[in-house]
Protein backbone atom coordinates (compact mmCIF):
# COMPACT_ATOMS: atom_id res chain seq x y z
CA MET A 1 -27.29 4.00 31.83
CA PRO A 2 -23.89 4.99 31.59
CA ALA A 3 -22.94 8.62 32.41
CA ILE A 4 -21.37 11.51 30.88
CA LEU A 5 -19.26 14.47 32.49
CA THR A 6 -19.36 17.37 29.91
CA VAL A 7 -16.31 19.56 30.00
CA ILE A 8 -16.74 22.96 28.36
CA LEU A 9 -13.64 25.06 28.67
CA ASN A 10 -13.92 29.25 28.71
CA TRP A 11 -11.78 31.38 27.60
CA ARG A 12 -13.21 35.29 27.59
CA THR A 13 -16.19 34.19 25.55
CA PRO A 14 -19.37 33.57 28.26
CA ASP A 15 -22.21 34.31 26.16
CA MET A 16 -20.88 31.90 23.66
CA THR A 17 -19.95 29.04 26.30
CA LEU A 18 -23.40 29.53 27.46
CA GLN A 19 -24.99 28.79 23.97
CA SER A 20 -23.01 25.59 23.86
CA CYS A 21 -23.52 24.50 27.23
CA GLU A 22 -27.49 25.43 26.36
CA ALA A 23 -26.92 23.18 23.16
CA ALA A 24 -25.18 20.18 25.15
CA LEU A 25 -27.84 20.01 27.71
CA ARG A 26 -30.69 19.71 25.21
CA GLU A 27 -28.77 16.79 23.48
CA MET A 28 -27.72 15.08 26.77
CA GLN A 29 -31.79 14.99 28.28
CA GLY A 30 -32.32 11.31 29.23
CA MET A 31 -28.89 10.59 30.09
CA PRO A 32 -27.18 10.63 33.33
CA GLY A 33 -24.41 13.27 33.80
CA ALA A 34 -23.47 16.77 34.25
CA ILE A 35 -21.93 19.50 32.25
CA THR A 36 -18.93 21.21 33.81
CA ILE A 37 -17.96 24.74 32.20
CA VAL A 38 -14.21 25.47 33.40
CA ASP A 39 -13.35 28.93 33.20
CA ASN A 40 -9.35 29.10 32.46
CA ASP A 41 -8.59 32.26 34.47
CA SER A 42 -10.33 34.86 32.01
CA GLY A 43 -9.58 37.72 34.11
CA ASP A 44 -12.83 39.58 32.48
CA GLY A 45 -15.82 38.87 34.48
CA SER A 46 -16.40 35.34 32.74
CA PHE A 47 -16.71 33.73 35.53
CA GLU A 48 -18.72 35.53 37.42
CA LYS A 49 -21.02 35.91 34.75
CA MET A 50 -21.44 32.46 33.56
CA SER A 51 -22.17 31.77 37.46
CA ALA A 52 -24.93 33.96 37.59
CA GLU A 53 -26.60 32.68 34.38
CA VAL A 54 -26.16 29.37 35.52
CA VAL A 55 -28.31 30.13 38.50
CA ARG A 56 -30.67 32.33 37.22
CA ARG A 57 -31.82 29.75 34.44
CA GLY A 58 -31.67 27.27 37.07
CA TRP A 59 -29.58 24.75 35.47
CA ASP A 60 -27.40 24.28 38.87
CA ASN A 61 -30.67 22.63 40.66
CA PRO A 62 -32.10 21.08 37.83
CA ALA A 63 -35.73 19.33 38.02
CA PRO A 64 -34.86 15.37 38.87
CA GLY A 65 -33.80 13.61 36.21
CA GLY A 66 -31.59 17.07 34.85
CA ILE A 67 -28.44 17.58 33.71
CA PRO A 68 -27.08 19.82 36.86
CA VAL A 69 -24.52 22.40 35.34
CA GLN A 70 -21.65 23.73 37.44
CA VAL A 71 -18.96 26.51 36.51
CA LEU A 72 -15.31 26.05 38.23
CA GLN A 73 -12.34 28.72 38.38
CA SER A 74 -9.63 26.81 36.92
CA GLY A 75 -7.40 29.43 38.63
CA HIS A 76 -4.84 29.40 36.02
CA ASN A 77 -4.59 29.59 32.24
CA GLY A 78 -2.39 26.67 31.54
CA GLY A 79 -4.02 26.35 27.94
CA PHE A 80 -6.61 23.93 26.47
CA GLY A 81 -5.17 20.19 27.96
CA ALA A 82 -4.70 21.79 31.94
CA GLY A 83 -8.05 23.57 31.52
CA ASN A 84 -9.91 20.43 30.75
CA ASN A 85 -8.31 18.31 32.92
CA PHE A 86 -9.10 20.85 35.50
CA GLY A 87 -12.86 19.66 34.81
CA ILE A 88 -12.10 16.16 34.27
CA ARG A 89 -10.56 15.45 37.53
CA ALA A 90 -13.37 17.02 39.64
CA GLY A 91 -15.59 14.57 38.37
CA LEU A 92 -19.32 14.46 38.72
CA PRO A 93 -20.90 17.02 40.96
CA GLY A 94 -20.40 15.15 44.48
CA GLY A 95 -17.06 13.44 42.93
CA GLY A 96 -18.48 10.94 41.26
CA ARG A 97 -16.49 8.49 38.58
CA PRO A 98 -18.34 9.31 35.12
CA ASP A 99 -18.09 6.28 32.66
CA TYR A 100 -17.46 9.18 29.28
CA VAL A 101 -16.38 12.21 29.23
CA TYR A 102 -17.43 14.97 26.67
CA ILE A 103 -15.26 17.57 25.47
CA LEU A 104 -16.61 20.10 24.08
CA ASN A 105 -15.18 23.41 22.51
CA SER A 106 -17.03 26.71 23.85
CA ASP A 107 -17.64 27.77 20.04
CA ALA A 108 -19.32 24.10 19.19
CA PHE A 109 -23.17 23.29 19.04
CA PRO A 110 -24.42 19.67 19.23
CA ASP A 111 -26.67 19.63 16.63
CA PRO A 112 -29.71 17.03 17.10
CA GLY A 113 -28.74 13.24 18.04
CA SER A 114 -24.93 14.13 18.32
CA ILE A 115 -23.99 13.06 21.27
CA ARG A 116 -26.45 10.06 21.62
CA ALA A 117 -24.80 9.22 17.92
CA LEU A 118 -21.17 9.22 19.83
CA LEU A 119 -22.58 7.59 22.80
CA ASP A 120 -24.23 4.55 21.07
CA HIS A 121 -20.76 4.24 19.02
CA LEU A 122 -18.86 3.71 22.04
CA GLU A 123 -20.95 1.30 23.48
CA ALA A 124 -21.17 -0.96 20.81
CA ASN A 125 -17.46 -0.98 20.37
CA PRO A 126 -15.75 -1.76 23.87
CA ARG A 127 -11.89 -1.22 22.59
CA THR A 128 -12.95 2.27 20.81
CA GLY A 129 -11.62 4.55 23.47
CA PHE A 130 -12.47 7.59 21.87
CA ALA A 131 -15.23 9.01 18.94
CA GLY A 132 -15.72 12.29 17.42
CA SER A 133 -18.24 14.37 15.47
CA TYR A 134 -18.49 16.01 12.17
CA ILE A 135 -17.89 19.48 12.24
CA HIS A 136 -19.24 21.95 10.27
CA GLY A 137 -19.44 25.72 9.97
CA PRO A 138 -22.73 27.70 10.46
CA GLU A 139 -23.34 27.54 7.17
CA GLY A 140 -22.90 24.05 6.70
CA GLU A 141 -19.25 24.21 5.03
CA PRO A 142 -17.14 20.93 6.41
CA HIS A 143 -14.29 21.31 9.09
CA GLN A 144 -11.20 19.05 8.61
CA THR A 145 -11.12 17.21 11.75
CA ALA A 146 -9.95 13.55 10.61
CA PHE A 147 -6.27 13.29 10.52
CA ARG A 148 -3.13 10.97 10.60
CA PHE A 149 -0.69 11.14 13.07
CA PRO A 150 2.21 13.74 11.80
CA SER A 151 5.55 12.48 10.17
CA ILE A 152 8.63 12.96 8.48
CA LEU A 153 7.07 12.27 5.01
CA GLY A 154 3.52 14.05 5.94
CA GLU A 155 5.44 17.10 7.08
CA PHE A 156 7.24 17.27 3.97
CA GLU A 157 4.26 16.88 2.04
CA GLY A 158 1.64 19.45 3.91
CA ALA A 159 4.40 22.05 3.36
CA ALA A 160 4.97 21.18 -0.35
CA ARG A 161 1.47 21.54 -1.51
CA LEU A 162 2.28 19.83 -4.92
CA GLY A 163 0.34 17.37 -6.79
CA PRO A 164 2.82 14.99 -7.87
CA VAL A 165 4.35 15.13 -4.31
CA SER A 166 1.02 14.56 -2.78
CA ARG A 167 0.31 11.82 -4.87
CA MET A 168 3.52 9.83 -4.26
CA LEU A 169 3.33 10.37 -0.30
CA LYS A 170 -0.66 10.22 -0.34
CA ARG A 171 -0.33 7.34 2.60
CA HIS A 172 1.54 10.31 4.57
CA ILE A 173 -0.96 12.91 4.37
CA VAL A 174 -1.61 14.04 7.53
CA ALA A 175 -5.15 15.74 6.72
CA LEU A 176 -7.56 13.34 5.56
CA PRO A 177 -10.48 13.54 3.24
CA ILE A 178 -13.31 14.33 5.09
CA PRO A 179 -15.04 11.14 5.77
CA GLU A 180 -18.12 10.45 4.18
CA SER A 181 -19.18 7.86 6.74
CA THR A 182 -17.81 6.10 10.42
CA THR A 183 -14.00 5.32 9.95
CA ARG A 184 -11.71 4.85 12.15
CA VAL A 185 -8.95 7.61 12.15
CA ASP A 186 -5.30 8.43 13.79
CA TRP A 187 -6.42 11.40 15.68
CA LEU A 188 -9.92 13.96 15.76
CA ALA A 189 -9.55 17.76 16.54
CA GLY A 190 -10.91 18.50 19.85
CA ALA A 191 -13.85 20.46 19.16
CA SER A 192 -16.72 17.71 20.23
CA VAL A 193 -14.88 14.28 20.94
CA LEU A 194 -16.54 11.80 23.58
CA MET A 195 -14.02 9.56 25.58
CA ARG A 196 -13.74 6.27 27.48
CA GLN A 197 -13.31 6.90 30.98
CA ASP A 198 -11.65 3.15 31.27
CA ALA A 199 -9.01 4.53 28.37
CA LEU A 200 -8.38 7.84 30.17
CA ASP A 201 -7.45 5.85 33.48
CA GLU A 202 -5.08 3.72 31.26
CA ILE A 203 -2.84 6.55 29.73
CA GLY A 204 -3.63 9.69 31.81
CA LEU A 205 -5.40 12.66 30.41
CA PHE A 206 -3.63 15.34 28.51
CA ASP A 207 -0.16 15.99 29.08
CA GLU A 208 -0.01 19.86 29.99
CA THR A 209 3.22 20.64 28.89
CA PHE A 210 1.28 21.91 25.61
CA PHE A 211 -0.35 25.03 26.07
CA LEU A 212 -1.98 24.88 22.87
CA TYR A 213 -2.33 22.79 19.62
CA PHE A 214 -0.92 18.94 19.53
CA GLU A 215 -2.39 18.05 22.81
CA GLU A 216 -5.04 15.78 20.97
CA THR A 217 -2.86 14.57 18.99
CA ASP A 218 -0.26 13.24 21.90
CA LEU A 219 -3.11 11.93 24.09
CA LEU A 220 -4.80 10.25 20.60
CA LEU A 221 -1.05 8.75 19.93
CA ARG A 222 -0.72 7.46 23.52
CA ALA A 223 -4.34 5.72 22.93
CA ALA A 224 -3.29 4.06 20.14
CA ARG A 225 -0.07 2.89 21.36
CA ALA A 226 -2.14 1.29 24.36
CA GLY A 227 -4.34 -0.45 21.93
CA TRP A 228 -7.49 1.89 22.37
CA THR A 229 -8.60 3.13 18.64
CA THR A 230 -10.14 6.62 17.85
CA ASP A 231 -13.57 6.72 15.15
CA TYR A 232 -14.76 9.08 13.18
CA ILE A 233 -18.51 9.39 13.79
CA ARG A 234 -20.02 10.96 10.46
CA HIS A 235 -24.11 11.04 11.42
CA SER A 236 -22.66 12.97 14.74
CA GLU A 237 -22.74 16.53 13.80
CA VAL A 238 -21.84 19.66 15.15
CA THR A 239 -22.24 22.89 14.14
CA HIS A 240 -18.60 25.17 14.90
CA ILE A 241 -17.65 28.71 14.84
CA GLY A 242 -14.02 27.77 15.20
CA SER A 243 -10.82 29.78 16.48
CA ALA A 244 -13.47 32.14 18.50
CA SER A 245 -10.84 32.06 21.42
CA THR A 246 -7.62 31.22 19.94
CA GLY A 247 -7.68 34.13 16.98
CA MET A 248 -6.03 31.56 15.03
CA LYS A 249 -7.82 32.98 11.75
CA THR A 250 -5.84 36.37 12.24
CA TRP A 251 -2.73 35.25 12.93
CA LYS A 252 -0.24 38.06 11.75
CA ARG A 253 2.53 35.61 12.77
CA ILE A 254 2.97 31.55 14.10
CA PRO A 255 2.65 31.99 18.04
CA GLY A 256 5.86 30.90 19.99
CA PHE A 257 3.46 28.20 21.81
CA TRP A 258 2.12 27.09 18.35
CA LEU A 259 5.71 26.04 17.49
CA ASP A 260 6.85 24.82 20.89
CA SER A 261 4.06 21.99 20.91
CA ARG A 262 5.13 21.13 17.23
CA ARG A 263 8.68 20.43 18.82
CA TYR A 264 7.69 18.96 22.03
CA TYR A 265 5.17 16.29 20.36
CA PHE A 266 7.69 15.20 17.88
CA THR A 267 10.37 15.52 20.36
CA LYS A 268 8.74 13.54 23.16
CA ASN A 269 6.89 10.97 21.17
CA HIS A 270 10.14 10.27 18.48
CA GLY A 271 13.24 11.68 19.85
CA ARG A 272 15.24 15.15 18.98
CA ALA A 273 16.78 13.30 15.73
CA TYR A 274 13.35 12.89 14.78
CA ALA A 275 12.27 16.22 15.54
CA ALA A 276 14.68 17.88 14.16
CA LEU A 277 14.23 15.87 10.41
CA ALA A 278 10.58 16.79 10.62
CA THR A 279 11.58 20.26 10.98
CA PHE A 280 13.85 19.94 7.78
CA ALA A 281 11.52 18.21 6.10
CA CYS A 282 8.67 21.12 6.20
CA VAL A 283 11.61 23.69 5.79
CA SER A 284 12.61 22.06 2.30
CA GLY A 285 8.55 21.31 1.38
CA GLY A 286 8.04 24.64 2.08
CA ALA A 287 11.15 26.20 0.27
CA LEU A 288 9.69 24.06 -2.71
CA CYS A 289 6.51 25.38 -2.54
CA ARG A 290 7.40 29.00 -2.17
CA LEU A 291 9.58 28.39 -5.67
CA ARG A 292 6.54 27.17 -7.04
CA LEU A 293 4.20 30.21 -6.41
CA MET A 294 7.24 32.67 -7.31
CA LEU A 295 7.35 31.30 -10.50
CA GLN A 296 3.64 31.27 -11.10
CA GLY A 297 3.20 34.81 -9.92
CA LYS A 298 0.57 33.47 -6.96
CA THR A 299 0.83 34.16 -2.74
CA LEU A 300 1.20 32.17 -0.27
CA GLY A 301 -1.63 31.65 2.50
CA ASP A 302 0.89 30.75 5.73
CA PRO A 303 1.42 33.69 8.21
CA PRO A 304 4.46 35.99 7.64
CA HIS A 305 7.91 34.42 7.99
CA PHE A 306 6.45 31.10 8.89
CA LEU A 307 9.44 29.19 7.10
CA ARG A 308 11.88 31.80 8.94
CA ASP A 309 10.11 31.25 12.18
CA LEU A 310 10.01 27.76 12.30
CA ILE A 311 14.06 27.52 11.39
CA MET A 312 14.76 30.16 14.47
CA HIS A 313 12.96 28.25 16.80
CA HIS A 314 14.56 25.18 15.88
CA PHE A 315 18.05 26.62 16.60
CA ARG A 316 17.33 28.04 19.60
CA LYS A 317 18.03 26.22 23.17
CA ALA A 318 15.64 23.44 23.45
CA PRO A 319 13.71 24.76 26.59
CA ALA A 320 13.56 22.53 29.41
CA PHE A 321 10.45 20.34 28.67
CA VAL A 322 12.00 19.63 25.60
CA ALA A 323 15.16 18.18 27.00
CA ARG A 324 13.07 15.97 29.27
CA ALA A 325 10.90 14.88 26.65
CA ASP A 326 13.78 13.60 25.03
CA SER A 327 15.28 11.72 27.46
CA SER A 328 12.02 9.93 28.30
CA LYS A 329 11.00 8.92 24.75
CA GLY A 330 8.68 6.00 24.68
CA ARG A 331 7.60 6.61 28.14
CA THR A 332 3.48 6.41 27.98
CA SER A 333 2.94 7.50 31.30
CA PRO A 334 1.15 11.11 31.04
CA ALA A 335 2.01 14.31 32.55
CA GLU A 336 -0.49 15.49 35.09
């Protein structure tokens, strides 16, 4: 049976991370593999607490046939991609190579049969490189996790939020309707994704230039360009709290790292001119949306000053990594 390495990245949520690990342990029973918890340099005692708890529960030294758990310290908070890469590079205990890598958020808890469903699907579909779960909240509410790749027209539609525009550009809408059955998608949110090691060996790991957001989009775009497909597995269900580490639900202003990631994604994968047009499309659509809401006397759900921040960020001098991305557009070699 193929071996699975589960990687759970922790950032100052040790109790929740241990709960996620416990759920993954339950679902991995009978499968060869291991679980690696990576503490992303939390600096709050998370590493020490989780290490001690793993030993106390006997997870570090399970009975024969059990799933061993190790806790690693990354030593540097390089973001989501860098932290997961640290765990992936460590491999199985003893340095073994897994057949699959399962990325699980620290605030995500696999439901019964969820990991097995992902594994069975990838085993049955050898050119599918990545399989992700149906994600729902604690009360059963579905989460949007299946998407098309971003584009200029998709940026305009997403910002405009206007029925006639959405109908006209329906083939470019980034957020797909939540699938009712297993289906192929462009990319998936990284809360619960099983990744084929052969695919990672070919395309590389997460690009660590991304601190947070767009790293899964970039990885799966590289996979698609290399001929690996990505599937959404409806009968693999995972409970997800969401934004426990990032605080996204309470943002008062769009963070600079989100703007950096967005700009880098478009520049790296499509060039600087395309990135500029994507920003123009987003601002134009956003202005149209705001005009409509003003006439209707309604309020907007975006973080305050979103369009202004987007425009100001675009006209700032491009960071060195954006310039490098523009000069190397079209290459698929990973930044590791």
